Amino acid sequence: MFNIPERGGRPQNLRIQIPSPPQEHNTRAPPPLQLQINPKKDRKPPDLSLYTQQAAITTTTNTTVHPRDLPLETLGSSGLESLALNKEIYDVGSLGAGAGGWVSKCEIRPNDPNLPKKIFAIKTLPPGPRDIELKELIINERCNSPYIVKYYGTFRHEGNICIAMEYMDAKSLHEVYNRVKSEGAFLHERVLSEIARSILLGLKYLNAQRILHRDIKPSNILFNLNGAIKLCDLGISRDLDGTLASTFVGTRNYMAPERLSGEKYGVNCETWSVGITILEAAIGEHPLPEHDEFVANYDKLAPPQLTDLPDYGVMWSPAFKDFINQCLKVNVNVRPSPTQMLEHPWIKNQQDKPIDMGAFIRRVWQ
């Protein structure tokens, strides 16, 4: 399902043959979760009592169930905290780190040998004033959508704030398109349209809850091996108590012009970020390499466009080109909202072409 470069020819389907990662021979059990950072003595960790729920530990028949055997959705914040205190949550690998904290792949090993391990992710935040992250907890608790990464609970462990969430085992859009690029290929339009549709559906859901995501970019679009595509990282999302916002947060390379200029903005700013994200995934690189120049002169420069790649035999459809053009309208008053973009012909017409996203993403990482 990739457009691949073939001298003098049209794009063809690519069957990637990628060696499997080396098997680890270390049979030792992974170490217990280590989440300790020494908090500053003069700082008190924020009170999370408003954002926690009690974990059920019995069934409807009053038969006692070990907390390790409960579903993550049932375990909840207090149950997760109890398991962490008892060193029953295991850190089995890093998923990334940044200035605000780090994310780990974790597992809970069931007490019942007939049950599978519970695999999930934990985002760990050092102690301190965390207004943005506490807002993320509230927003996460409100979200229930197949296009938003699932939230399981929040707890404190050794002074840190730990947010438990769904583990997406096929990485981010940024990693996916770079993997395809490393094979000398490009993502197929049908794949790109499914990614765009999932992002837009996630934004439609958030906007219906009066929430702005404000940080749509390839690294915040996650996949799993079943083919699901979900938005993550609601750390800088905000509730819209009116129709416009004005705070300057997010990643500049994906911000709409009205946000860069410090103007008030609404849901249409998300459409610009979608356009830049999908354009980047299509061509395999950020479409604004001289972004500082664009930031300084956005009202004088034309926005980027999707152009054919004849040297690689890649010819994009007119409908796809128009989709990108509509997303990247500099004038916010004529730029459609994410919900309106779901009605674009490129999104609607591509749905008539069957695609197995699970098979696609598994082939990428095979």
Foldseek 3Di string as FASTA:
>chain_A
DWQFFDAPDAGDDDQDDDDAPDDDPDPDDFFFDDQADDADPVADFDDCPVLWDQADQADPVRDGAPLLPDPLQRCIAVNVQVCSVVSQKGFDAWPAADPFFGKTWIWGDGPDPVDDIDIWMKTKGAGDDQPLQSVVSVVQVVDDDLAAWHWRYWYDDNRIIITITHDAALAWLLVLLLLQVVVRTAHDLLLLLVQLLSVLVQLVRCVVVQKAQQAQAGRQWGHHLQQRIHGYDSSRMDHDPDFWDFDQDYDQLQFALCNLVRHIDGQLRVLSSSLQRSLCRGVVHRQCPVVVVCSVPVVPDDDDFRQADVSRNGHDDPQVRVLSVLSRDNPSVSRDGSVVSCPRCSNVVSVVPDDRSSVVSVSSND
